[in-house]
């Protein structure tokens, strides 16, 4: 595998910072199977940045309600 093709993995803390949520929220997503895919390395949990970006992009968006006149 080409070393340049590897992404630097994110920690739970970094994912929490990126999403502006708590580490507890990130852990809760993982335990419920609702969050981005993760990689377990021994007892450590890591996330690929592209998986986190794809997961965020897949989340429902607000602000699309039409105004009735």
PDB file of N, CA and C in Angstrom:
ATOM      1  N   UNK A   1       0.849  -1.185   0.000  1.00  0.00           N
ATOM      2  CA  UNK A   1       0.000   0.000   0.000  1.00  0.00           C
ATOM      3  C   UNK A   1       0.886   1.236   0.000  1.00  0.00           C
ATOM      4  N   UNK A   2       0.511   2.204  -0.776  1.00  0.00           N
ATOM      5  CA  UNK A   2       1.236   3.460  -0.893  1.00  0.00           C
ATOM      6  C   UNK A   2       1.009   4.298   0.371  1.00  0.00           C
ATOM      7  N   UNK A   3       2.106   4.689   1.032  1.00  0.00           N
ATOM      8  CA  UNK A   3       1.983   5.467   2.272  1.00  0.00           C
ATOM      9  C   UNK A   3       1.270   6.789   2.051  1.00  0.00           C
ATOM     10  N   UNK A   4       1.447   7.401   0.866  1.00  0.00           N
ATOM     11  CA  UNK A   4       0.796   8.684   0.599  1.00  0.00           C
ATOM     12  C   UNK A   4      -0.714   8.531   0.454  1.00  0.00           C
ATOM     13  N   UNK A   5      -1.180   7.323   0.165  1.00  0.00           N
ATOM     14  CA  UNK A   5      -2.610   7.097   0.008  1.00  0.00           C
ATOM     15  C   UNK A   5      -3.326   7.009   1.350  1.00  0.00           C
ATOM     16  N   UNK A   6      -2.591   6.813   2.433  1.00  0.00           N
ATOM     17  CA  UNK A   6      -3.207   6.705   3.756  1.00  0.00           C
ATOM     18  C   UNK A   6      -3.596   8.072   4.295  1.00  0.00           C
ATOM     19  N   UNK A   7      -4.747   8.127   4.935  1.00  0.00           N
ATOM     20  CA  UNK A   7      -5.192   9.338   5.592  1.00  0.00           C
ATOM     21  C   UNK A   7      -4.750   9.293   7.049  1.00  0.00           C
ATOM     22  N   UNK A   8      -4.491  10.442   7.626  1.00  0.00           N
ATOM     23  CA  UNK A   8      -4.215  10.503   9.049  1.00  0.00           C
ATOM     24  C   UNK A   8      -5.542  10.292   9.777  1.00  0.00           C
ATOM     25  N   UNK A   9      -5.589   9.316  10.650  1.00  0.00           N
ATOM     26  CA  UNK A   9      -6.824   8.988  11.347  1.00  0.00           C
ATOM     27  C   UNK A   9      -7.135  10.012  12.433  1.00  0.00           C
ATOM     28  N   UNK A  10      -8.420  10.236  12.650  1.00  0.00           N
ATOM     29  CA  UNK A  10      -8.886  11.187  13.662  1.00  0.00           C
ATOM     30  C   UNK A  10      -9.249  10.461  14.944  1.00  0.00           C
ATOM     31  N   UNK A  11      -9.022  11.117  16.062  1.00  0.00           N
ATOM     32  CA  UNK A  11      -9.431  10.584  17.361  1.00  0.00           C
ATOM     33  C   UNK A  11     -10.874  11.006  17.637  1.00  0.00           C
ATOM     34  N   UNK A  12     -11.454  10.417  18.684  1.00  0.00           N
ATOM     35  CA  UNK A  12     -12.801  10.823  19.109  1.00  0.00           C
ATOM     36  C   UNK A  12     -12.827  12.320  19.445  1.00  0.00           C
ATOM     37  N   UNK A  13     -11.781  12.784  20.093  1.00  0.00           N
ATOM     38  CA  UNK A  13     -11.702  14.193  20.480  1.00  0.00           C
ATOM     39  C   UNK A  13     -11.703  15.097  19.248  1.00  0.00           C
ATOM     40  N   UNK A  14     -10.984  14.696  18.206  1.00  0.00           N
ATOM     41  CA  UNK A  14     -10.931  15.503  16.984  1.00  0.00           C
ATOM     42  C   UNK A  14     -12.281  15.500  16.261  1.00  0.00           C
ATOM     43  N   UNK A  15     -12.955  14.356  16.231  1.00  0.00           N
ATOM     44  CA  UNK A  15     -14.282  14.293  15.618  1.00  0.00           C
ATOM     45  C   UNK A  15     -15.261  15.165  16.413  1.00  0.00           C
ATOM     46  N   UNK A  16     -15.154  15.129  17.729  1.00  0.00           N
ATOM     47  CA  UNK A  16     -16.001  15.986  18.573  1.00  0.00           C
ATOM     48  C   UNK A  16     -15.747  17.458  18.266  1.00  0.00           C
ATOM     49  N   UNK A  17     -14.487  17.837  18.102  1.00  0.00           N
ATOM     50  CA  UNK A  17     -14.141  19.229  17.781  1.00  0.00           C
ATOM     51  C   UNK A  17     -14.689  19.618  16.410  1.00  0.00           C
ATOM     52  N   UNK A  18     -14.527  18.743  15.419  1.00  0.00           N
ATOM     53  CA  UNK A  18     -14.993  19.013  14.060  1.00  0.00           C
ATOM     54  C   UNK A  18     -16.510  19.223  14.033  1.00  0.00           C
ATOM     55  N   UNK A  19     -17.244  18.431  14.812  1.00  0.00           N
ATOM     56  CA  UNK A  19     -18.708  18.511  14.828  1.00  0.00           C
ATOM     57  C   UNK A  19     -19.246  19.487  15.879  1.00  0.00           C
ATOM     58  N   UNK A  20     -18.357  20.052  16.673  1.00  0.00           N
ATOM     59  CA  UNK A  20     -18.734  20.974  17.757  1.00  0.00           C
ATOM     60  C   UNK A  20     -19.665  20.318  18.767  1.00  0.00           C
ATOM     61  N   UNK A  21     -19.426  19.022  19.008  1.00  0.00           N
ATOM     62  CA  UNK A  21     -20.207  18.279  19.987  1.00  0.00           C
ATOM     63  C   UNK A  21     -19.258  17.642  20.999  1.00  0.00           C
ATOM     64  N   UNK A  22     -19.818  17.023  22.002  1.00  0.00           N
ATOM     65  CA  UNK A  22     -18.998  16.428  23.057  1.00  0.00           C
ATOM     66  C   UNK A  22     -18.450  15.063  22.640  1.00  0.00           C
ATOM     67  N   UNK A  23     -17.386  14.657  23.317  1.00  0.00           N
ATOM     68  CA  UNK A  23     -16.828  13.321  23.101  1.00  0.00           C
ATOM     69  C   UNK A  23     -17.883  12.279  23.466  1.00  0.00           C
ATOM     70  N   UNK A  24     -18.685  12.554  24.485  1.00  0.00           N
ATOM     71  CA  UNK A  24     -19.757  11.630  24.877  1.00  0.00           C
ATOM     72  C   UNK A  24     -20.749  11.426  23.733  1.00  0.00           C
ATOM     73  N   UNK A  25     -21.050  12.477  22.982  1.00  0.00           N
ATOM     74  CA  UNK A  25     -21.957  12.348  21.833  1.00  0.00           C
ATOM     75  C   UNK A  25     -21.351  11.450  20.768  1.00  0.00           C
ATOM     76  N   UNK A  26     -20.070  11.644  20.485  1.00  0.00           N
ATOM     77  CA  UNK A  26     -19.380  10.814  19.485  1.00  0.00           C
ATOM     78  C   UNK A  26     -19.404   9.342  19.926  1.00  0.00           C
ATOM     79  N   UNK A  27     -19.154   9.094  21.195  1.00  0.00           N
ATOM     80  CA  UNK A  27     -19.179   7.716  21.713  1.00  0.00           C
ATOM     81  C   UNK A  27     -20.587   7.132  21.646  1.00  0.00           C
ATOM     82  N   UNK A  28     -21.590   7.950  21.962  1.00  0.00           N
ATOM     83  CA  UNK A  28     -22.975   7.493  21.919  1.00  0.00           C
ATOM     84  C   UNK A  28     -23.362   7.094  20.489  1.00  0.00           C
ATOM     85  N   UNK A  29     -22.951   7.895  19.498  1.00  0.00           N
ATOM     86  CA  UNK A  29     -23.213   7.545  18.090  1.00  0.00           C
ATOM     87  C   UNK A  29     -22.620   6.182  17.768  1.00  0.00           C
ATOM     88  N   UNK A  30     -21.376   5.996  18.194  1.00  0.00           N
ATOM     89  CA  UNK A  30     -20.685   4.741  17.885  1.00  0.00           C
ATOM     90  C   UNK A  30     -21.409   3.550  18.513  1.00  0.00           C
ATOM     91  N   UNK A  31     -21.774   3.681  19.772  1.00  0.00           N
ATOM     92  CA  UNK A  31     -22.437   2.589  20.477  1.00  0.00           C
ATOM     93  C   UNK A  31     -23.812   2.274  19.899  1.00  0.00           C
ATOM     94  N   UNK A  32     -24.491   3.274  19.369  1.00  0.00           N
ATOM     95  CA  UNK A  32     -25.812   3.080  18.769  1.00  0.00           C
ATOM     96  C   UNK A  32     -25.734   2.735  17.280  1.00  0.00           C
ATOM     97  N   UNK A  33     -24.539   2.784  16.718  1.00  0.00           N
ATOM     98  CA  UNK A  33     -24.373   2.511  15.286  1.00  0.00           C
ATOM     99  C   UNK A  33     -24.895   3.636  14.411  1.00  0.00           C
ATOM    100  N   UNK A  34     -24.936   4.850  14.946  1.00  0.00           N
ATOM    101  CA  UNK A  34     -25.495   5.994  14.226  1.00  0.00           C
ATOM    102  C   UNK A  34     -24.437   6.922  13.648  1.00  0.00           C
ATOM    103  N   UNK A  35     -23.217   6.798  14.079  1.00  0.00           N
ATOM    104  CA  UNK A  35     -22.172   7.724  13.670  1.00  0.00           C
ATOM    105  C   UNK A  35     -21.407   7.260  12.451  1.00  0.00           C
ATOM    106  N   UNK A  36     -20.330   7.973  12.155  1.00  0.00           N
ATOM    107  CA  UNK A  36     -19.501   7.591  11.010  1.00  0.00           C
ATOM    108  C   UNK A  36     -18.796   6.264  11.275  1.00  0.00           C
ATOM    109  N   UNK A  37     -18.416   5.549  10.218  1.00  0.00           N
ATOM    110  CA  UNK A  37     -17.660   4.306  10.399  1.00  0.00           C
ATOM    111  C   UNK A  37     -16.381   4.594  11.182  1.00  0.00           C
ATOM    112  N   UNK A  38     -15.935   3.627  11.961  1.00  0.00           N
ATOM    113  CA  UNK A  38     -14.729   3.811  12.766  1.00  0.00           C
ATOM    114  C   UNK A  38     -13.806   2.613  12.597  1.00  0.00           C
ATOM    115  N   UNK A  39     -12.570   2.816  13.020  1.00  0.00           N
ATOM    116  CA  UNK A  39     -11.548   1.774  12.986  1.00  0.00           C
ATOM    117  C   UNK A  39     -11.110   1.527  14.420  1.00  0.00           C
ATOM    118  N   UNK A  40     -11.077   0.265  14.823  1.00  0.00           N
ATOM    119  CA  UNK A  40     -10.586  -0.071  16.164  1.00  0.00           C
ATOM    120  C   UNK A  40      -9.152  -0.581  16.010  1.00  0.00           C
ATOM    121  N   UNK A  41      -8.237   0.070  16.698  1.00  0.00           N
ATOM    122  CA  UNK A  41      -6.838  -0.355  16.723  1.00  0.00           C
ATOM    123  C   UNK A  41      -6.521  -0.659  18.180  1.00  0.00           C
ATOM    124  N   UNK A  42      -6.465  -1.967  18.489  1.00  0.00           N
ATOM    125  CA  UNK A  42      -6.388  -2.422  19.878  1.00  0.00           C
ATOM    126  C   UNK A  42      -7.574  -1.833  20.634  1.00  0.00           C
ATOM    127  N   UNK A  43      -7.328  -1.015  21.640  1.00  0.00           N
ATOM    128  CA  UNK A  43      -8.446  -0.437  22.386  1.00  0.00           C
ATOM    129  C   UNK A  43      -8.761   0.994  21.942  1.00  0.00           C
ATOM    130  N   UNK A  44      -8.068   1.477  20.935  1.00  0.00           N
ATOM    131  CA  UNK A  44      -8.271   2.849  20.450  1.00  0.00           C
ATOM    132  C   UNK A  44      -9.278   2.884  19.312  1.00  0.00           C
ATOM    133  N   UNK A  45     -10.066   3.930  19.277  1.00  0.00           N
ATOM    134  CA  UNK A  45     -11.040   4.155  18.210  1.00  0.00           C
ATOM    135  C   UNK A  45     -10.537   5.315  17.363  1.00  0.00           C
ATOM    136  N   UNK A  46     -10.538   5.114  16.056  1.00  0.00           N
ATOM    137  CA  UNK A  46     -10.094   6.159  15.129  1.00  0.00           C
ATOM    138  C   UNK A  46     -11.090   6.260  13.980  1.00  0.00           C
ATOM    139  N   UNK A  47     -11.085   7.413  13.332  1.00  0.00           N
ATOM    140  CA  UNK A  47     -12.000   7.687  12.227  1.00  0.00           C
ATOM    141  C   UNK A  47     -11.205   8.184  11.028  1.00  0.00           C
ATOM    142  N   UNK A  48     -11.572   7.719   9.836  1.00  0.00           N
ATOM    143  CA  UNK A  48     -10.966   8.235   8.619  1.00  0.00           C
ATOM    144  C   UNK A  48     -11.653   9.550   8.273  1.00  0.00           C
ATOM    145  N   UNK A  49     -10.875  10.601   7.987  1.00  0.00           N
ATOM    146  CA  UNK A  49     -11.475  11.903   7.679  1.00  0.00           C
ATOM    147  C   UNK A  49     -12.512  11.839   6.556  1.00  0.00           C
ATOM    148  N   UNK A  50     -12.262  11.041   5.522  1.00  0.00           N
ATOM    149  CA  UNK A  50     -13.224  10.953   4.415  1.00  0.00           C
ATOM    150  C   UNK A  50     -14.538  10.328   4.875  1.00  0.00           C
ATOM    151  N   UNK A  51     -14.485   9.368   5.815  1.00  0.00           N
ATOM    152  CA  UNK A  51     -15.708   8.772   6.351  1.00  0.00           C
ATOM    153  C   UNK A  51     -16.496   9.781   7.173  1.00  0.00           C
ATOM    154  N   UNK A  52     -15.789  10.584   7.950  1.00  0.00           N
ATOM    155  CA  UNK A  52     -16.458  11.616   8.762  1.00  0.00           C
ATOM    156  C   UNK A  52     -17.111  12.652   7.849  1.00  0.00           C
ATOM    157  N   UNK A  53     -16.395  13.080   6.806  1.00  0.00           N
ATOM    158  CA  UNK A  53     -16.939  14.065   5.865  1.00  0.00           C
ATOM    159  C   UNK A  53     -18.171  13.514   5.151  1.00  0.00           C
ATOM    160  N   UNK A  54     -18.115  12.261   4.723  1.00  0.00           N
ATOM    161  CA  UNK A  54     -19.257  11.636   4.038  1.00  0.00           C
ATOM    162  C   UNK A  54     -20.445  11.521   4.983  1.00  0.00           C
ATOM    163  N   UNK A  55     -20.177  11.150   6.225  1.00  0.00           N
ATOM    164  CA  UNK A  55     -21.247  11.012   7.206  1.00  0.00           C
ATOM    165  C   UNK A  55     -21.919  12.360   7.455  1.00  0.00           C
ATOM    166  N   UNK A  56     -21.127  13.411   7.617  1.00  0.00           N
ATOM    167  CA  UNK A  56     -21.684  14.750   7.842  1.00  0.00           C
ATOM    168  C   UNK A  56     -22.537  15.163   6.642  1.00  0.00           C
ATOM    169  N   UNK A  57     -22.034  14.906   5.439  1.00  0.00           N
ATOM    170  CA  UNK A  57     -22.766  15.272   4.218  1.00  0.00           C
ATOM    171  C   UNK A  57     -24.088  14.512   4.098  1.00  0.00           C
ATOM    172  N   UNK A  58     -24.168  13.332   4.695  1.00  0.00           N
ATOM    173  CA  UNK A  58     -25.381  12.521   4.593  1.00  0.00           C
ATOM    174  C   UNK A  58     -26.448  12.897   5.618  1.00  0.00           C
ATOM    175  N   UNK A  59     -26.107  13.744   6.571  1.00  0.00           N
ATOM    176  CA  UNK A  59     -27.046  14.118   7.629  1.00  0.00           C
ATOM    177  C   UNK A  59     -28.149  15.004   7.065  1.00  0.00           C
ATOM    178  N   UNK A  60     -29.363  14.929   7.626  1.00  0.00           N
ATOM    179  CA  UNK A  60     -30.466  15.785   7.166  1.00  0.00           C
ATOM    180  C   UNK A  60     -30.121  17.264   7.338  1.00  0.00           C
ATOM    181  N   UNK A  61     -30.596  18.046   6.434  1.00  0.00           N
ATOM    182  CA  UNK A  61     -30.355  19.490   6.486  1.00  0.00           C
ATOM    183  C   UNK A  61     -31.659  20.206   6.787  1.00  0.00           C
ATOM    184  N   UNK A  62     -31.552  21.311   7.502  1.00  0.00           N
ATOM    185  CA  UNK A  62     -32.734  22.099   7.823  1.00  0.00           C
ATOM    186  C   UNK A  62     -32.800  23.348   6.960  1.00  0.00           C
ATOM    187  N   UNK A  63     -33.792  24.152   7.230  1.00  0.00           N
ATOM    188  CA  UNK A  63     -33.913  25.435   6.559  1.00  0.00           C
ATOM    189  C   UNK A  63     -34.516  25.378   5.171  1.00  0.00           C
ATOM    190  N   UNK A  64     -35.181  24.276   4.840  1.00  0.00           N
ATOM    191  CA  UNK A  64     -35.737  24.149   3.501  1.00  0.00           C
ATOM    192  C   UNK A  64     -37.268  24.310   3.480  1.00  0.00           C
ATOM    193  N   UNK A  65     -37.823  24.671   4.614  1.00  0.00           N
ATOM    194  CA  UNK A  65     -39.273  24.816   4.710  1.00  0.00           C
ATOM    195  C   UNK A  65     -39.741  25.991   3.857  1.00  0.00           C
ATOM    196  N   UNK A  66     -40.775  25.749   3.088  1.00  0.00           N
ATOM    197  CA  UNK A  66     -41.315  26.813   2.252  1.00  0.00           C
ATOM    198  C   UNK A  66     -42.205  27.722   3.085  1.00  0.00           C
ATOM    199  N   UNK A  67     -42.134  28.993   2.809  1.00  0.00           N
ATOM    200  CA  UNK A  67     -42.958  29.964   3.510  1.00  0.00           C
ATOM    201  C   UNK A  67     -44.276  30.095   2.765  1.00  0.00           C
ATOM    202  N   UNK A  68     -45.403  29.951   3.486  1.00  0.00           N
ATOM    203  CA  UNK A  68     -46.735  30.082   2.861  1.00  0.00           C
ATOM    204  C   UNK A  68     -47.137  31.556   2.880  1.00  0.00           C
ATOM    205  N   UNK A  69     -47.642  32.000   1.750  1.00  0.00           N
ATOM    206  CA  UNK A  69     -48.072  33.395   1.665  1.00  0.00           C
ATOM    207  C   UNK A  69     -49.544  33.532   1.845  1.00  0.00           C
TER     208      UNK A  69
END
